[in-house]
Amino acid sequence: MALSKVKQAGTVLQVKTAVDTALRTTTSTSFVVASNTAQVSITPLSATSKFIITCCGVASCDDGNDGWFTSIFRDSTNLGDSTTGLAHGISVAGVQIHFHPFSMTILDSPATASAITYGLQFRSLNHDSDSSLTTRIGQHLSGTSNPVPTHITVMEIAG
């Protein structure tokens, strides 16, 4: 009996991952990549495939009463809410920096067999409208050396 080239629905077809080990910052109030390398380019094996995307890391903002949003994008399409993304954190009034781990997971059905890129984008929220507005990905309590890695994993699932 010949083996079929068609994979059974639910089978993992391929897995790709990327990690960013640098501290990334932005003052943008719009979602940006900000040079982060938590970006995965993948060519679907089938236009009926689904993708499970997970992304995790640490985010912070530099001022009390300010915040950040993170999201997973497929090329230029935000897979979360257009304003709030998939994860959010805010600092506490009077606190210089408040660190938040984030973890995002989403199921996507892009309906294409063309190459696509899944990646982390993030933005700032200047809630108190002052001059401080820096959002950081990868910073930890001890400072900016040895940043906490940001990971993204993309799994293609047969449809």
C-alpha atoms as a PDB file:
ATOM      1  CA  MET A   1       0.000   0.000   0.000  1.00  0.00           C
ATOM      2  CA  ALA A   2       1.406   3.400  -1.001  1.00  0.00           C
ATOM      3  CA  LEU A   3       1.785   6.115   1.616  1.00  0.00           C
ATOM      4  CA  SER A   4      -0.399   9.131   1.029  1.00  0.00           C
ATOM      5  CA  LYS A   5       1.253  12.541   0.794  1.00  0.00           C
ATOM      6  CA  VAL A   6      -1.844  14.103   2.334  1.00  0.00           C
ATOM      7  CA  LYS A   7      -1.440  14.613   6.069  1.00  0.00           C
ATOM      8  CA  GLN A   8      -4.283  13.817   8.434  1.00  0.00           C
ATOM      9  CA  ALA A   9      -6.089  16.880   9.840  1.00  0.00           C
ATOM     10  CA  GLY A  10      -4.506  17.991  13.110  1.00  0.00           C
ATOM     11  CA  THR A  11      -1.042  16.695  12.239  1.00  0.00           C
ATOM     12  CA  VAL A  12       1.860  19.049  12.950  1.00  0.00           C
ATOM     13  CA  LEU A  13       3.452  19.773   9.564  1.00  0.00           C
ATOM     14  CA  GLN A  14       6.306  22.057  10.609  1.00  0.00           C
ATOM     15  CA  VAL A  15       7.566  24.053  13.580  1.00  0.00           C
ATOM     16  CA  LYS A  16       9.732  27.166  13.453  1.00  0.00           C
ATOM     17  CA  THR A  17      10.992  29.331  16.263  1.00  0.00           C
ATOM     18  CA  ALA A  18      12.959  32.539  16.800  1.00  0.00           C
ATOM     19  CA  VAL A  19      14.418  34.204  19.851  1.00  0.00           C
ATOM     20  CA  ASP A  20      15.433  37.801  20.490  1.00  0.00           C
ATOM     21  CA  THR A  21      18.111  38.176  23.155  1.00  0.00           C
ATOM     22  CA  ALA A  22      18.457  41.972  22.994  1.00  0.00           C
ATOM     23  CA  LEU A  23      16.748  44.753  24.893  1.00  0.00           C
ATOM     24  CA  ARG A  24      14.286  46.517  22.554  1.00  0.00           C
ATOM     25  CA  THR A  25      12.608  49.875  23.177  1.00  0.00           C
ATOM     26  CA  THR A  26       9.987  52.086  21.609  1.00  0.00           C
ATOM     27  CA  THR A  27       8.232  55.345  22.333  1.00  0.00           C
ATOM     28  CA  SER A  28       5.735  54.722  19.545  1.00  0.00           C
ATOM     29  CA  THR A  29       2.043  54.672  20.396  1.00  0.00           C
ATOM     30  CA  SER A  30       1.489  52.511  17.283  1.00  0.00           C
ATOM     31  CA  PHE A  31       2.533  48.853  17.083  1.00  0.00           C
ATOM     32  CA  VAL A  32       6.127  48.468  15.829  1.00  0.00           C
ATOM     33  CA  VAL A  33       8.743  45.728  15.409  1.00  0.00           C
ATOM     34  CA  ALA A  34      11.460  48.024  16.866  1.00  0.00           C
ATOM     35  CA  SER A  35      14.212  45.764  15.434  1.00  0.00           C
ATOM     36  CA  ASN A  36      13.156  42.763  17.551  1.00  0.00           C
ATOM     37  CA  THR A  37      14.056  39.412  16.015  1.00  0.00           C
ATOM     38  CA  ALA A  38      11.101  37.452  17.438  1.00  0.00           C
ATOM     39  CA  GLN A  39       9.951  37.069  13.828  1.00  0.00           C
ATOM     40  CA  VAL A  40       9.349  33.772  11.990  1.00  0.00           C
ATOM     41  CA  SER A  41       9.056  33.489   8.202  1.00  0.00           C
ATOM     42  CA  ILE A  42       7.246  30.353   7.078  1.00  0.00           C
ATOM     43  CA  THR A  43       5.822  29.026   3.822  1.00  0.00           C
ATOM     44  CA  PRO A  44       2.652  27.005   4.454  1.00  0.00           C
ATOM     45  CA  LEU A  45       2.620  23.493   3.042  1.00  0.00           C
ATOM     46  CA  SER A  46      -1.103  23.905   2.328  1.00  0.00           C
ATOM     47  CA  ALA A  47      -3.567  26.781   1.963  1.00  0.00           C
ATOM     48  CA  THR A  48      -5.900  24.918   4.363  1.00  0.00           C
ATOM     49  CA  SER A  49      -3.349  24.806   7.197  1.00  0.00           C
ATOM     50  CA  LYS A  50      -3.897  26.437  10.553  1.00  0.00           C
ATOM     51  CA  PHE A  51      -1.110  27.948  12.642  1.00  0.00           C
ATOM     52  CA  ILE A  52      -0.647  28.006  16.404  1.00  0.00           C
ATOM     53  CA  ILE A  53       1.592  30.899  17.389  1.00  0.00           C
ATOM     54  CA  THR A  54       2.991  31.447  20.888  1.00  0.00           C
ATOM     55  CA  CYS A  55       5.148  34.344  22.033  1.00  0.00           C
ATOM     56  CA  CYS A  56       6.498  35.144  25.488  1.00  0.00           C
ATOM     57  CA  GLY A  57       8.865  37.597  27.136  1.00  0.00           C
ATOM     58  CA  VAL A  58       9.039  40.488  29.597  1.00  0.00           C
ATOM     59  CA  ALA A  59       7.778  44.045  29.036  1.00  0.00           C
ATOM     60  CA  SER A  60       8.083  47.211  31.092  1.00  0.00           C
ATOM     61  CA  CYS A  61       7.532  50.938  30.843  1.00  0.00           C
ATOM     62  CA  ASP A  62       9.710  53.654  32.340  1.00  0.00           C
ATOM     63  CA  ASP A  63       7.174  55.779  34.174  1.00  0.00           C
ATOM     64  CA  GLY A  64       4.333  55.446  36.670  1.00  0.00           C
ATOM     65  CA  ASN A  65       0.860  55.580  35.100  1.00  0.00           C
ATOM     66  CA  ASP A  66       2.092  54.429  31.689  1.00  0.00           C
ATOM     67  CA  GLY A  67       1.720  51.089  29.961  1.00  0.00           C
ATOM     68  CA  TRP A  68       2.475  48.811  27.045  1.00  0.00           C
ATOM     69  CA  PHE A  69       0.658  46.520  24.627  1.00  0.00           C
ATOM     70  CA  THR A  70       2.041  43.485  22.767  1.00  0.00           C
ATOM     71  CA  SER A  71       0.559  41.518  19.901  1.00  0.00           C
ATOM     72  CA  ILE A  72       1.336  38.879  17.310  1.00  0.00           C
ATOM     73  CA  PHE A  73       1.204  40.009  13.692  1.00  0.00           C
ATOM     74  CA  ARG A  74       0.883  38.030  10.461  1.00  0.00           C
ATOM     75  CA  ASP A  75       2.803  40.257   8.064  1.00  0.00           C
ATOM     76  CA  SER A  76       1.055  43.632   8.643  1.00  0.00           C
ATOM     77  CA  THR A  77      -2.145  42.137  10.138  1.00  0.00           C
ATOM     78  CA  ASN A  78      -2.570  42.413  13.909  1.00  0.00           C
ATOM     79  CA  LEU A  79      -3.988  39.068  15.093  1.00  0.00           C
ATOM     80  CA  GLY A  80      -5.131  40.691  18.332  1.00  0.00           C
ATOM     81  CA  ASP A  81      -7.248  43.748  18.915  1.00  0.00           C
ATOM     82  CA  SER A  82      -6.160  46.671  16.727  1.00  0.00           C
ATOM     83  CA  THR A  83      -5.718  48.901  19.805  1.00  0.00           C
ATOM     84  CA  THR A  84      -4.929  46.589  22.713  1.00  0.00           C
ATOM     85  CA  GLY A  85      -3.261  43.648  20.941  1.00  0.00           C
ATOM     86  CA  LEU A  86      -3.101  40.389  22.885  1.00  0.00           C
ATOM     87  CA  ALA A  87      -1.350  41.408  26.137  1.00  0.00           C
ATOM     88  CA  HIS A  88      -1.107  44.563  28.237  1.00  0.00           C
ATOM     89  CA  GLY A  89       0.560  45.859  31.358  1.00  0.00           C
ATOM     90  CA  ILE A  90       0.616  49.171  33.171  1.00  0.00           C
ATOM     91  CA  SER A  91       2.943  50.641  35.758  1.00  0.00           C
ATOM     92  CA  VAL A  92       1.817  51.713  39.199  1.00  0.00           C
ATOM     93  CA  ALA A  93       1.701  55.418  40.047  1.00  0.00           C
ATOM     94  CA  GLY A  94       4.982  56.530  41.626  1.00  0.00           C
ATOM     95  CA  VAL A  95       6.856  53.404  40.463  1.00  0.00           C
ATOM     96  CA  GLN A  96       9.671  53.974  37.992  1.00  0.00           C
ATOM     97  CA  ILE A  97       9.473  50.581  36.258  1.00  0.00           C
ATOM     98  CA  HIS A  98       7.033  47.720  36.686  1.00  0.00           C
ATOM     99  CA  PHE A  99       8.031  44.464  34.958  1.00  0.00           C
ATOM    100  CA  HIS A 100       5.409  42.175  33.439  1.00  0.00           C
ATOM    101  CA  PRO A 101       5.925  38.758  31.914  1.00  0.00           C
ATOM    102  CA  PHE A 102       3.685  38.271  28.893  1.00  0.00           C
ATOM    103  CA  SER A 103       2.532  35.152  27.103  1.00  0.00           C
ATOM    104  CA  MET A 104       0.377  35.178  23.999  1.00  0.00           C
ATOM    105  CA  THR A 105      -1.107  32.265  22.045  1.00  0.00           C
ATOM    106  CA  ILE A 106      -3.374  32.447  19.033  1.00  0.00           C
ATOM    107  CA  LEU A 107      -4.726  30.148  16.314  1.00  0.00           C
ATOM    108  CA  ASP A 108      -4.593  31.614  12.809  1.00  0.00           C
ATOM    109  CA  SER A 109      -6.039  30.413   9.501  1.00  0.00           C
ATOM    110  CA  PRO A 110      -4.290  32.525   6.847  1.00  0.00           C
ATOM    111  CA  ALA A 111      -5.746  30.595   3.842  1.00  0.00           C
ATOM    112  CA  THR A 112      -2.576  30.931   1.769  1.00  0.00           C
ATOM    113  CA  ALA A 113       0.304  28.808   0.547  1.00  0.00           C
ATOM    114  CA  SER A 114       2.507  31.903   0.097  1.00  0.00           C
ATOM    115  CA  ALA A 115       5.299  32.813   2.498  1.00  0.00           C
ATOM    116  CA  ILE A 116       4.175  34.724   5.590  1.00  0.00           C
ATOM    117  CA  THR A 117       5.906  36.205   8.633  1.00  0.00           C
ATOM    118  CA  TYR A 118       4.585  35.937  12.174  1.00  0.00           C
ATOM    119  CA  GLY A 119       6.149  38.275  14.697  1.00  0.00           C
ATOM    120  CA  LEU A 120       5.966  40.284  17.885  1.00  0.00           C
ATOM    121  CA  GLN A 121       5.053  43.952  17.746  1.00  0.00           C
ATOM    122  CA  PHE A 122       4.618  46.261  20.734  1.00  0.00           C
ATOM    123  CA  ARG A 123       3.646  49.828  21.562  1.00  0.00           C
ATOM    124  CA  SER A 124       3.566  52.368  24.383  1.00  0.00           C
ATOM    125  CA  LEU A 125       0.653  53.941  26.247  1.00  0.00           C
ATOM    126  CA  ASN A 126       1.261  57.395  27.725  1.00  0.00           C
ATOM    127  CA  HIS A 127      -1.669  57.316  30.120  1.00  0.00           C
ATOM    128  CA  ASP A 128      -0.642  60.416  32.108  1.00  0.00           C
ATOM    129  CA  SER A 129       0.450  62.463  29.055  1.00  0.00           C
ATOM    130  CA  ASP A 130       3.872  63.384  30.458  1.00  0.00           C
ATOM    131  CA  SER A 131       7.213  63.286  28.634  1.00  0.00           C
ATOM    132  CA  SER A 132       8.151  59.735  29.700  1.00  0.00           C
ATOM    133  CA  LEU A 133       6.960  57.080  27.296  1.00  0.00           C
ATOM    134  CA  THR A 134       9.530  54.302  26.786  1.00  0.00           C
ATOM    135  CA  THR A 135       8.372  50.694  26.564  1.00  0.00           C
ATOM    136  CA  ARG A 136      11.029  48.006  26.886  1.00  0.00           C
ATOM    137  CA  ILE A 137      11.007  44.359  25.852  1.00  0.00           C
ATOM    138  CA  GLY A 138      13.561  42.164  27.651  1.00  0.00           C
ATOM    139  CA  GLN A 139      14.547  44.398  30.582  1.00  0.00           C
ATOM    140  CA  HIS A 140      14.602  42.857  34.051  1.00  0.00           C
ATOM    141  CA  LEU A 141      14.897  44.113  37.610  1.00  0.00           C
ATOM    142  CA  SER A 142      18.706  44.134  37.592  1.00  0.00           C
ATOM    143  CA  GLY A 143      18.870  46.480  34.615  1.00  0.00           C
ATOM    144  CA  THR A 144      19.548  46.333  30.908  1.00  0.00           C
ATOM    145  CA  SER A 145      22.460  43.869  30.752  1.00  0.00           C
ATOM    146  CA  ASN A 146      21.673  40.224  29.942  1.00  0.00           C
ATOM    147  CA  PRO A 147      18.118  40.881  28.694  1.00  0.00           C
ATOM    148  CA  VAL A 148      15.382  38.294  29.231  1.00  0.00           C
ATOM    149  CA  PRO A 149      14.926  36.483  25.883  1.00  0.00           C
ATOM    150  CA  THR A 150      11.729  36.902  23.875  1.00  0.00           C
ATOM    151  CA  HIS A 151      10.587  33.687  22.186  1.00  0.00           C
ATOM    152  CA  ILE A 152       8.137  32.995  19.360  1.00  0.00           C
ATOM    153  CA  THR A 153       7.105  29.566  18.082  1.00  0.00           C
ATOM    154  CA  VAL A 154       4.974  28.886  15.007  1.00  0.00           C
ATOM    155  CA  MET A 155       3.420  25.456  14.382  1.00  0.00           C
ATOM    156  CA  GLU A 156       1.689  24.604  11.117  1.00  0.00           C
ATOM    157  CA  ILE A 157      -1.223  22.186  11.615  1.00  0.00           C
ATOM    158  CA  ALA A 158      -2.809  20.243   8.745  1.00  0.00           C
ATOM    159  CA  GLY A 159      -6.342  21.480   8.033  1.00  0.00           C
END
